[in-house]
Amino acid sequence: MVMNRLNIVCAEYGGDRNIGLDEFSVLFDEEPSLQEVKETFNVFDVNKDGFIDATELQRVMCSLDLKEGCELEECRRMIRAFDENGDGLINFNEFVKFMEKCFC
């Protein structure tokens, strides 16, 4: 469901349109439900370990054709901005807080 709404281009999911982060919040008619946030988190969490690391973020950023997000160091910087416990990963709670900021 979320992948269809995002139209993310990658081998696993298909799609024919790339989007930018500026368009992210307008993909939802209203603030997303917790289930939609979880589905979105799962798009990033490729290895399903419950965390988003820089490599996973890089994969999504590159699939969105966001050249500024395709450098691994840039992805590490983005993770640090929302990584509350300093482990270098984004857990689901940190992701929820990020999503809340997108819809404020």
PDB file of N, CA and C in Angstrom:
ATOM      1  N   MET A   1       0.816  -1.186   0.000  1.00  0.00           N
ATOM      2  CA  MET A   1       0.000   0.000   0.000  1.00  0.00           C
ATOM      3  C   MET A   1       0.867   1.259   0.000  1.00  0.00           C
ATOM      4  N   VAL A   2       1.791   1.358   0.946  1.00  0.00           N
ATOM      5  CA  VAL A   2       2.636   2.547   1.022  1.00  0.00           C
ATOM      6  C   VAL A   2       3.528   2.648  -0.205  1.00  0.00           C
ATOM      7  N   MET A   3       4.083   1.537  -0.657  1.00  0.00           N
ATOM      8  CA  MET A   3       4.949   1.584  -1.832  1.00  0.00           C
ATOM      9  C   MET A   3       4.172   2.072  -3.049  1.00  0.00           C
ATOM     10  N   ASN A   4       2.925   1.659  -3.182  1.00  0.00           N
ATOM     11  CA  ASN A   4       2.109   2.146  -4.297  1.00  0.00           C
ATOM     12  C   ASN A   4       1.899   3.641  -4.202  1.00  0.00           C
ATOM     13  N   ARG A   5       1.652   4.141  -2.988  1.00  0.00           N
ATOM     14  CA  ARG A   5       1.444   5.576  -2.810  1.00  0.00           C
ATOM     15  C   ARG A   5       2.725   6.355  -3.046  1.00  0.00           C
ATOM     16  N   LEU A   6       3.851   5.779  -2.637  1.00  0.00           N
ATOM     17  CA  LEU A   6       5.131   6.456  -2.809  1.00  0.00           C
ATOM     18  C   LEU A   6       5.649   6.350  -4.232  1.00  0.00           C
ATOM     19  N   ASN A   7       5.233   5.313  -4.954  1.00  0.00           N
ATOM     20  CA  ASN A   7       5.749   5.056  -6.298  1.00  0.00           C
ATOM     21  C   ASN A   7       7.269   5.048  -6.313  1.00  0.00           C
ATOM     22  N   ILE A   8       7.850   4.367  -5.353  1.00  0.00           N
ATOM     23  CA  ILE A   8       9.300   4.268  -5.290  1.00  0.00           C
ATOM     24  C   ILE A   8       9.779   3.309  -6.362  1.00  0.00           C
ATOM     25  N   VAL A   9      10.768   3.724  -7.115  1.00  0.00           N
ATOM     26  CA  VAL A   9      11.304   2.901  -8.177  1.00  0.00           C
ATOM     27  C   VAL A   9      12.436   2.058  -7.612  1.00  0.00           C
ATOM     28  N   CYS A  10      12.199   0.778  -7.545  1.00  0.00           N
ATOM     29  CA  CYS A  10      13.252  -0.168  -7.194  1.00  0.00           C
ATOM     30  C   CYS A  10      12.807  -1.544  -7.638  1.00  0.00           C
ATOM     31  N   ALA A  11      13.738  -2.441  -7.762  1.00  0.00           N
ATOM     32  CA  ALA A  11      13.450  -3.744  -8.364  1.00  0.00           C
ATOM     33  C   ALA A  11      12.368  -4.505  -7.615  1.00  0.00           C
ATOM     34  N   GLU A  12      12.351  -4.400  -6.290  1.00  0.00           N
ATOM     35  CA  GLU A  12      11.397  -5.184  -5.520  1.00  0.00           C
ATOM     36  C   GLU A  12       9.959  -4.725  -5.736  1.00  0.00           C
ATOM     37  N   TYR A  13       9.757  -3.451  -5.954  1.00  0.00           N
ATOM     38  CA  TYR A  13       8.413  -2.915  -5.921  1.00  0.00           C
ATOM     39  C   TYR A  13       7.927  -2.323  -7.234  1.00  0.00           C
ATOM     40  N   GLY A  14       8.816  -2.034  -8.163  1.00  0.00           N
ATOM     41  CA  GLY A  14       8.386  -1.429  -9.420  1.00  0.00           C
ATOM     42  C   GLY A  14       8.011   0.017  -9.232  1.00  0.00           C
ATOM     43  N   GLY A  15       7.266   0.549 -10.153  1.00  0.00           N
ATOM     44  CA  GLY A  15       6.867   1.951 -10.090  1.00  0.00           C
ATOM     45  C   GLY A  15       7.443   2.685 -11.273  1.00  0.00           C
ATOM     46  N   ASP A  16       6.850   3.806 -11.596  1.00  0.00           N
ATOM     47  CA  ASP A  16       7.309   4.522 -12.776  1.00  0.00           C
ATOM     48  C   ASP A  16       7.527   6.004 -12.539  1.00  0.00           C
ATOM     49  N   ARG A  17       7.556   6.421 -11.282  1.00  0.00           N
ATOM     50  CA  ARG A  17       7.679   7.840 -10.990  1.00  0.00           C
ATOM     51  C   ARG A  17       8.565   8.027  -9.768  1.00  0.00           C
ATOM     52  N   ASN A  18       9.534   8.912  -9.861  1.00  0.00           N
ATOM     53  CA  ASN A  18      10.376   9.253  -8.720  1.00  0.00           C
ATOM     54  C   ASN A  18       9.806  10.471  -8.023  1.00  0.00           C
ATOM     55  N   ILE A  19       9.925  10.523  -6.710  1.00  0.00           N
ATOM     56  CA  ILE A  19       9.453  11.683  -5.961  1.00  0.00           C
ATOM     57  C   ILE A  19      10.572  12.214  -5.100  1.00  0.00           C
ATOM     58  N   GLY A  20      10.441  13.453  -4.665  1.00  0.00           N
ATOM     59  CA  GLY A  20      11.387  14.066  -3.756  1.00  0.00           C
ATOM     60  C   GLY A  20      10.823  14.105  -2.351  1.00  0.00           C
ATOM     61  N   LEU A  21      11.690  14.385  -1.390  1.00  0.00           N
ATOM     62  CA  LEU A  21      11.239  14.449  -0.002  1.00  0.00           C
ATOM     63  C   LEU A  21      10.234  15.560   0.226  1.00  0.00           C
ATOM     64  N   ASP A  22      10.313  16.636  -0.560  1.00  0.00           N
ATOM     65  CA  ASP A  22       9.348  17.730  -0.411  1.00  0.00           C
ATOM     66  C   ASP A  22       7.922  17.266  -0.667  1.00  0.00           C
ATOM     67  N   GLU A  23       7.782  16.240  -1.468  1.00  0.00           N
ATOM     68  CA  GLU A  23       6.460  15.718  -1.786  1.00  0.00           C
ATOM     69  C   GLU A  23       5.969  14.679  -0.787  1.00  0.00           C
ATOM     70  N   PHE A  24       6.834  14.254   0.103  1.00  0.00           N
ATOM     71  CA  PHE A  24       6.521  13.140   0.987  1.00  0.00           C
ATOM     72  C   PHE A  24       5.238  13.340   1.778  1.00  0.00           C
ATOM     73  N   SER A  25       5.117  14.458   2.461  1.00  0.00           N
ATOM     74  CA  SER A  25       3.955  14.654   3.326  1.00  0.00           C
ATOM     75  C   SER A  25       2.655  14.800   2.546  1.00  0.00           C
ATOM     76  N   VAL A  26       2.700  15.231   1.305  1.00  0.00           N
ATOM     77  CA  VAL A  26       1.466  15.378   0.541  1.00  0.00           C
ATOM     78  C   VAL A  26       0.977  14.063  -0.051  1.00  0.00           C
ATOM     79  N   LEU A  27       1.732  12.994   0.126  1.00  0.00           N
ATOM     80  CA  LEU A  27       1.302  11.691  -0.370  1.00  0.00           C
ATOM     81  C   LEU A  27       0.139  11.143   0.435  1.00  0.00           C
ATOM     82  N   PHE A  28      -0.027  11.652   1.627  1.00  0.00           N
ATOM     83  CA  PHE A  28      -1.097  11.196   2.493  1.00  0.00           C
ATOM     84  C   PHE A  28      -2.184  12.262   2.510  1.00  0.00           C
ATOM     85  N   ASP A  29      -3.438  11.841   2.400  1.00  0.00           N
ATOM     86  CA  ASP A  29      -4.550  12.783   2.427  1.00  0.00           C
ATOM     87  C   ASP A  29      -4.622  13.510   3.766  1.00  0.00           C
ATOM     88  N   GLU A  30      -4.198  12.824   4.793  1.00  0.00           N
ATOM     89  CA  GLU A  30      -4.175  13.382   6.146  1.00  0.00           C
ATOM     90  C   GLU A  30      -3.000  12.748   6.859  1.00  0.00           C
ATOM     91  N   GLU A  31      -2.822  13.103   8.097  1.00  0.00           N
ATOM     92  CA  GLU A  31      -1.738  12.514   8.862  1.00  0.00           C
ATOM     93  C   GLU A  31      -1.847  10.995   8.795  1.00  0.00           C
ATOM     94  N   PRO A  32      -0.725  10.304   8.490  1.00  0.00           N
ATOM     95  CA  PRO A  32      -0.804   8.851   8.317  1.00  0.00           C
ATOM     96  C   PRO A  32      -1.147   8.138   9.619  1.00  0.00           C
ATOM     97  N   SER A  33      -1.784   6.996   9.473  1.00  0.00           N
ATOM     98  CA  SER A  33      -2.081   6.163  10.633  1.00  0.00           C
ATOM     99  C   SER A  33      -0.790   5.497  11.105  1.00  0.00           C
ATOM    100  N   LEU A  34      -0.825   4.959  12.294  1.00  0.00           N
ATOM    101  CA  LEU A  34       0.338   4.242  12.818  1.00  0.00           C
ATOM    102  C   LEU A  34       0.693   3.076  11.900  1.00  0.00           C
ATOM    103  N   GLN A  35      -0.314   2.415  11.344  1.00  0.00           N
ATOM    104  CA  GLN A  35      -0.071   1.307  10.406  1.00  0.00           C
ATOM    105  C   GLN A  35       0.656   1.794   9.158  1.00  0.00           C
ATOM    106  N   GLU A  36       0.266   2.943   8.635  1.00  0.00           N
ATOM    107  CA  GLU A  36       0.945   3.495   7.460  1.00  0.00           C
ATOM    108  C   GLU A  36       2.383   3.883   7.785  1.00  0.00           C
ATOM    109  N   VAL A  37       2.600   4.422   8.970  1.00  0.00           N
ATOM    110  CA  VAL A  37       3.966   4.766   9.388  1.00  0.00           C
ATOM    111  C   VAL A  37       4.804   3.495   9.494  1.00  0.00           C
ATOM    112  N   LYS A  38       4.231   2.436  10.051  1.00  0.00           N
ATOM    113  CA  LYS A  38       4.941   1.159  10.177  1.00  0.00           C
ATOM    114  C   LYS A  38       5.270   0.599   8.789  1.00  0.00           C
ATOM    115  N   GLU A  39       4.326   0.666   7.867  1.00  0.00           N
ATOM    116  CA  GLU A  39       4.578   0.189   6.507  1.00  0.00           C
ATOM    117  C   GLU A  39       5.696   0.992   5.842  1.00  0.00           C
ATOM    118  N   THR A  40       5.695   2.282   6.067  1.00  0.00           N
ATOM    119  CA  THR A  40       6.743   3.131   5.508  1.00  0.00           C
ATOM    120  C   THR A  40       8.093   2.788   6.122  1.00  0.00           C
ATOM    121  N   PHE A  41       8.117   2.600   7.445  1.00  0.00           N
ATOM    122  CA  PHE A  41       9.355   2.187   8.127  1.00  0.00           C
ATOM    123  C   PHE A  41       9.883   0.902   7.505  1.00  0.00           C
ATOM    124  N   ASN A  42       8.982  -0.038   7.232  1.00  0.00           N
ATOM    125  CA  ASN A  42       9.395  -1.326   6.672  1.00  0.00           C
ATOM    126  C   ASN A  42       9.978  -1.204   5.271  1.00  0.00           C
ATOM    127  N   VAL A  43       9.592  -0.160   4.538  1.00  0.00           N
ATOM    128  CA  VAL A  43      10.194   0.092   3.225  1.00  0.00           C
ATOM    129  C   VAL A  43      11.683   0.366   3.393  1.00  0.00           C
ATOM    130  N   PHE A  44      12.030   1.135   4.412  1.00  0.00           N
ATOM    131  CA  PHE A  44      13.426   1.468   4.672  1.00  0.00           C
ATOM    132  C   PHE A  44      14.180   0.306   5.304  1.00  0.00           C
ATOM    133  N   ASP A  45      13.551  -0.408   6.211  1.00  0.00           N
ATOM    134  CA  ASP A  45      14.191  -1.478   6.981  1.00  0.00           C
ATOM    135  C   ASP A  45      14.256  -2.766   6.156  1.00  0.00           C
ATOM    136  N   VAL A  46      15.156  -2.773   5.201  1.00  0.00           N
ATOM    137  CA  VAL A  46      15.251  -3.866   4.236  1.00  0.00           C
ATOM    138  C   VAL A  46      15.542  -5.208   4.908  1.00  0.00           C
ATOM    139  N   ASN A  47      16.464  -5.230   5.863  1.00  0.00           N
ATOM    140  CA  ASN A  47      16.835  -6.506   6.485  1.00  0.00           C
ATOM    141  C   ASN A  47      15.917  -6.901   7.637  1.00  0.00           C
ATOM    142  N   LYS A  48      14.902  -6.077   7.897  1.00  0.00           N
ATOM    143  CA  LYS A  48      13.855  -6.369   8.894  1.00  0.00           C
ATOM    144  C   LYS A  48      14.419  -6.642  10.286  1.00  0.00           C
ATOM    145  N   ASP A  49      15.456  -5.870  10.666  1.00  0.00           N
ATOM    146  CA  ASP A  49      16.023  -6.019  12.000  1.00  0.00           C
ATOM    147  C   ASP A  49      15.450  -5.010  12.987  1.00  0.00           C
ATOM    148  N   GLY A  50      14.515  -4.162  12.518  1.00  0.00           N
ATOM    149  CA  GLY A  50      13.893  -3.177  13.395  1.00  0.00           C
ATOM    150  C   GLY A  50      14.613  -1.845  13.436  1.00  0.00           C
ATOM    151  N   PHE A  51      15.607  -1.678  12.563  1.00  0.00           N
ATOM    152  CA  PHE A  51      16.387  -0.444  12.525  1.00  0.00           C
ATOM    153  C   PHE A  51      16.641  -0.036  11.084  1.00  0.00           C
ATOM    154  N   ILE A  52      16.796   1.272  10.874  1.00  0.00           N
ATOM    155  CA  ILE A  52      17.218   1.791   9.575  1.00  0.00           C
ATOM    156  C   ILE A  52      18.657   2.247   9.737  1.00  0.00           C
ATOM    157  N   ASP A  53      19.551   1.655   8.957  1.00  0.00           N
ATOM    158  CA  ASP A  53      20.946   2.090   9.003  1.00  0.00           C
ATOM    159  C   ASP A  53      21.242   2.948   7.774  1.00  0.00           C
ATOM    160  N   ALA A  54      22.441   3.464   7.707  1.00  0.00           N
ATOM    161  CA  ALA A  54      22.800   4.395   6.629  1.00  0.00           C
ATOM    162  C   ALA A  54      22.711   3.733   5.256  1.00  0.00           C
ATOM    163  N   THR A  55      23.069   2.472   5.163  1.00  0.00           N
ATOM    164  CA  THR A  55      23.015   1.769   3.883  1.00  0.00           C
ATOM    165  C   THR A  55      21.575   1.598   3.408  1.00  0.00           C
ATOM    166  N   GLU A  56      20.679   1.288   4.330  1.00  0.00           N
ATOM    167  CA  GLU A  56      19.268   1.146   3.973  1.00  0.00           C
ATOM    168  C   GLU A  56      18.682   2.492   3.551  1.00  0.00           C
ATOM    169  N   LEU A  57      19.041   3.547   4.274  1.00  0.00           N
ATOM    170  CA  LEU A  57      18.579   4.886   3.909  1.00  0.00           C
ATOM    171  C   LEU A  57      19.117   5.264   2.536  1.00  0.00           C
ATOM    172  N   GLN A  58      20.371   4.954   2.297  1.00  0.00           N
ATOM    173  CA  GLN A  58      20.993   5.258   1.011  1.00  0.00           C
ATOM    174  C   GLN A  58      20.249   4.559  -0.132  1.00  0.00           C
ATOM    175  N   ARG A  59      19.849   3.323   0.064  1.00  0.00           N
ATOM    176  CA  ARG A  59      19.131   2.582  -0.969  1.00  0.00           C
ATOM    177  C   ARG A  59      17.839   3.297  -1.351  1.00  0.00           C
ATOM    178  N   VAL A  60      17.089   3.743  -0.333  1.00  0.00           N
ATOM    179  CA  VAL A  60      15.823   4.424  -0.612  1.00  0.00           C
ATOM    180  C   VAL A  60      16.078   5.783  -1.252  1.00  0.00           C
ATOM    181  N   MET A  61      17.035   6.528  -0.739  1.00  0.00           N
ATOM    182  CA  MET A  61      17.326   7.849  -1.295  1.00  0.00           C
ATOM    183  C   MET A  61      17.735   7.739  -2.764  1.00  0.00           C
ATOM    184  N   CYS A  62      18.542   6.746  -3.068  1.00  0.00           N
ATOM    185  CA  CYS A  62      18.960   6.556  -4.463  1.00  0.00           C
ATOM    186  C   CYS A  62      17.790   6.097  -5.326  1.00  0.00           C
ATOM    187  N   SER A  63      16.913   5.263  -4.772  1.00  0.00           N
ATOM    188  CA  SER A  63      15.747   4.828  -5.544  1.00  0.00           C
ATOM    189  C   SER A  63      14.810   5.998  -5.814  1.00  0.00           C
ATOM    190  N   LEU A  64      14.850   7.014  -4.953  1.00  0.00           N
ATOM    191  CA  LEU A  64      14.064   8.231  -5.160  1.00  0.00           C
ATOM    192  C   LEU A  64      14.787   9.205  -6.085  1.00  0.00           C
ATOM    193  N   ASP A  65      15.990   8.806  -6.519  1.00  0.00           N
ATOM    194  CA  ASP A  65      16.804   9.628  -7.416  1.00  0.00           C
ATOM    195  C   ASP A  65      17.173  10.958  -6.773  1.00  0.00           C
ATOM    196  N   LEU A  66      17.431  10.921  -5.473  1.00  0.00           N
ATOM    197  CA  LEU A  66      17.867  12.110  -4.735  1.00  0.00           C
ATOM    198  C   LEU A  66      19.380  12.060  -4.609  1.00  0.00           C
ATOM    199  N   LYS A  67      20.055  12.671  -5.559  1.00  0.00           N
ATOM    200  CA  LYS A  67      21.503  12.574  -5.642  1.00  0.00           C
ATOM    201  C   LYS A  67      22.203  13.039  -4.366  1.00  0.00           C
ATOM    202  N   GLU A  68      21.643  14.062  -3.698  1.00  0.00           N
ATOM    203  CA  GLU A  68      22.280  14.547  -2.468  1.00  0.00           C
ATOM    204  C   GLU A  68      22.162  13.532  -1.341  1.00  0.00           C
ATOM    205  N   GLY A  69      21.264  12.575  -1.447  1.00  0.00           N
ATOM    206  CA  GLY A  69      21.112  11.561  -0.413  1.00  0.00           C
ATOM    207  C   GLY A  69      21.755  10.249  -0.757  1.00  0.00           C
ATOM    208  N   CYS A  70      22.432  10.175  -1.893  1.00  0.00           N
ATOM    209  CA  CYS A  70      23.012   8.908  -2.325  1.00  0.00           C
ATOM    210  C   CYS A  70      24.424   8.669  -1.796  1.00  0.00           C
ATOM    211  N   GLU A  71      25.015   9.657  -1.202  1.00  0.00           N
ATOM    212  CA  GLU A  71      26.334   9.462  -0.592  1.00  0.00           C
ATOM    213  C   GLU A  71      26.141   8.869   0.802  1.00  0.00           C
ATOM    214  N   LEU A  72      26.878   7.842   1.115  1.00  0.00           N
ATOM    215  CA  LEU A  72      26.727   7.157   2.394  1.00  0.00           C
ATOM    216  C   LEU A  72      26.964   8.097   3.574  1.00  0.00           C
ATOM    217  N   GLU A  73      27.943   8.976   3.471  1.00  0.00           N
ATOM    218  CA  GLU A  73      28.214   9.909   4.567  1.00  0.00           C
ATOM    219  C   GLU A  73      27.047  10.863   4.783  1.00  0.00           C
ATOM    220  N   GLU A  74      26.398  11.291   3.709  1.00  0.00           N
ATOM    221  CA  GLU A  74      25.219  12.153   3.834  1.00  0.00           C
ATOM    222  C   GLU A  74      24.090  11.399   4.542  1.00  0.00           C
ATOM    223  N   CYS A  75      23.936  10.120   4.253  1.00  0.00           N
ATOM    224  CA  CYS A  75      22.911   9.305   4.931  1.00  0.00           C
ATOM    225  C   CYS A  75      23.239   9.166   6.415  1.00  0.00           C
ATOM    226  N   ARG A  76      24.495   9.006   6.736  1.00  0.00           N
ATOM    227  CA  ARG A  76      24.897   8.949   8.159  1.00  0.00           C
ATOM    228  C   ARG A  76      24.557  10.256   8.864  1.00  0.00           C
ATOM    229  N   ARG A  77      24.780  11.374   8.178  1.00  0.00           N
ATOM    230  CA  ARG A  77      24.463  12.683   8.752  1.00  0.00           C
ATOM    231  C   ARG A  77      22.962  12.812   8.998  1.00  0.00           C
ATOM    232  N   MET A  78      22.156  12.372   8.043  1.00  0.00           N
ATOM    233  CA  MET A  78      20.701  12.438   8.200  1.00  0.00           C
ATOM    234  C   MET A  78      20.245  11.570   9.378  1.00  0.00           C
ATOM    235  N   ILE A  79      20.840  10.409   9.522  1.00  0.00           N
ATOM    236  CA  ILE A  79      20.474   9.531  10.641  1.00  0.00           C
ATOM    237  C   ILE A  79      20.845  10.186  11.964  1.00  0.00           C
ATOM    238  N   ARG A  80      22.031  10.783  12.038  1.00  0.00           N
ATOM    239  CA  ARG A  80      22.442  11.446  13.285  1.00  0.00           C
ATOM    240  C   ARG A  80      21.453  12.521  13.710  1.00  0.00           C
ATOM    241  N   ALA A  81      20.806  13.174  12.753  1.00  0.00           N
ATOM    242  CA  ALA A  81      19.864  14.248  13.066  1.00  0.00           C
ATOM    243  C   ALA A  81      18.644  13.740  13.836  1.00  0.00           C
ATOM    244  N   PHE A  82      18.292  12.461  13.697  1.00  0.00           N
ATOM    245  CA  PHE A  82      17.111  11.914  14.369  1.00  0.00           C
ATOM    246  C   PHE A  82      17.427  10.755  15.299  1.00  0.00           C
ATOM    247  N   ASP A  83      18.697  10.416  15.426  1.00  0.00           N
ATOM    248  CA  ASP A  83      19.139   9.298  16.259  1.00  0.00           C
ATOM    249  C   ASP A  83      19.277   9.769  17.704  1.00  0.00           C
ATOM    250  N   GLU A  84      18.234   9.574  18.482  1.00  0.00           N
ATOM    251  CA  GLU A  84      18.209  10.081  19.856  1.00  0.00           C
ATOM    252  C   GLU A  84      19.157   9.349  20.795  1.00  0.00           C
ATOM    253  N   ASN A  85      19.366   8.054  20.584  1.00  0.00           N
ATOM    254  CA  ASN A  85      20.198   7.297  21.518  1.00  0.00           C
ATOM    255  C   ASN A  85      21.646   7.143  21.044  1.00  0.00           C
ATOM    256  N   GLY A  86      21.974   7.708  19.883  1.00  0.00           N
ATOM    257  CA  GLY A  86      23.357   7.731  19.417  1.00  0.00           C
ATOM    258  C   GLY A  86      23.922   6.413  18.941  1.00  0.00           C
ATOM    259  N   ASP A  87      23.062   5.457  18.586  1.00  0.00           N
ATOM    260  CA  ASP A  87      23.564   4.154  18.147  1.00  0.00           C
ATOM    261  C   ASP A  87      23.831   4.081  16.647  1.00  0.00           C
ATOM    262  N   GLY A  88      23.603   5.188  15.931  1.00  0.00           N
ATOM    263  CA  GLY A  88      23.859   5.208  14.494  1.00  0.00           C
ATOM    264  C   GLY A  88      22.750   4.579  13.670  1.00  0.00           C
ATOM    265  N   LEU A  89      21.633   4.308  14.306  1.00  0.00           N
ATOM    266  CA  LEU A  89      20.491   3.672  13.654  1.00  0.00           C
ATOM    267  C   LEU A  89      19.222   4.439  13.994  1.00  0.00           C
ATOM    268  N   ILE A  90      18.212   4.291  13.153  1.00  0.00           N
ATOM    269  CA  ILE A  90      16.891   4.852  13.448  1.00  0.00           C
ATOM    270  C   ILE A  90      15.980   3.690  13.810  1.00  0.00           C
ATOM    271  N   ASN A  91      15.491   3.691  15.053  1.00  0.00           N
ATOM    272  CA  ASN A  91      14.525   2.668  15.435  1.00  0.00           C
ATOM    273  C   ASN A  91      13.120   3.183  15.129  1.00  0.00           C
ATOM    274  N   PHE A  92      12.120   2.354  15.351  1.00  0.00           N
ATOM    275  CA  PHE A  92      10.763   2.745  14.976  1.00  0.00           C
ATOM    276  C   PHE A  92      10.292   3.977  15.738  1.00  0.00           C
ATOM    277  N   ASN A  93      10.598   4.059  17.030  1.00  0.00           N
ATOM    278  CA  ASN A  93      10.179   5.228  17.812  1.00  0.00           C
ATOM    279  C   ASN A  93      10.796   6.514  17.282  1.00  0.00           C
ATOM    280  N   GLU A  94      12.061   6.465  16.912  1.00  0.00           N
ATOM    281  CA  GLU A  94      12.721   7.637  16.338  1.00  0.00           C
ATOM    282  C   GLU A  94      12.102   7.985  14.983  1.00  0.00           C
ATOM    283  N   PHE A  95      11.732   6.973  14.220  1.00  0.00           N
ATOM    284  CA  PHE A  95      11.096   7.194  12.925  1.00  0.00           C
ATOM    285  C   PHE A  95       9.732   7.857  13.098  1.00  0.00           C
ATOM    286  N   VAL A  96       8.978   7.420  14.102  1.00  0.00           N
ATOM    287  CA  VAL A  96       7.672   8.024  14.387  1.00  0.00           C
ATOM    288  C   VAL A  96       7.845   9.506  14.709  1.00  0.00           C
ATOM    289  N   LYS A  97       8.843   9.836  15.502  1.00  0.00           N
ATOM    290  CA  LYS A  97       9.086  11.237  15.843  1.00  0.00           C
ATOM    291  C   LYS A  97       9.457  12.061  14.600  1.00  0.00           C
ATOM    292  N   PHE A  98      10.228  11.449  13.712  1.00  0.00           N
ATOM    293  CA  PHE A  98      10.559  12.099  12.442  1.00  0.00           C
ATOM    294  C   PHE A  98       9.289  12.364  11.642  1.00  0.00           C
ATOM    295  N   MET A  99       8.421  11.367  11.545  1.00  0.00           N
ATOM    296  CA  MET A  99       7.167  11.522  10.800  1.00  0.00           C
ATOM    297  C   MET A  99       6.286  12.598  11.427  1.00  0.00           C
ATOM    298  N   GLU A 100       6.257  12.656  12.743  1.00  0.00           N
ATOM    299  CA  GLU A 100       5.463  13.693  13.411  1.00  0.00           C
ATOM    300  C   GLU A 100       5.950  15.078  13.012  1.00  0.00           C
ATOM    301  N   LYS A 101       7.260  15.251  12.889  1.00  0.00           N
ATOM    302  CA  LYS A 101       7.820  16.546  12.481  1.00  0.00           C
ATOM    303  C   LYS A 101       7.451  16.883  11.050  1.00  0.00           C
ATOM    304  N   CYS A 102       7.294  15.873  10.211  1.00  0.00           N
ATOM    305  CA  CYS A 102       6.906  16.109   8.815  1.00  0.00           C
ATOM    306  C   CYS A 102       5.489  16.656   8.708  1.00  0.00           C
ATOM    307  N   PHE A 103       4.648  16.345   9.688  1.00  0.00           N
ATOM    308  CA  PHE A 103       3.247  16.725   9.601  1.00  0.00           C
ATOM    309  C   PHE A 103       2.860  17.824  10.585  1.00  0.00           C
ATOM    310  N   CYS A 104       3.857  18.489  11.160  1.00  0.00           N
ATOM    311  CA  CYS A 104       3.549  19.603  12.061  1.00  0.00           C
ATOM    312  C   CYS A 104       3.244  20.871  11.300  1.00  0.00           C
TER     313      CYS A 104
END
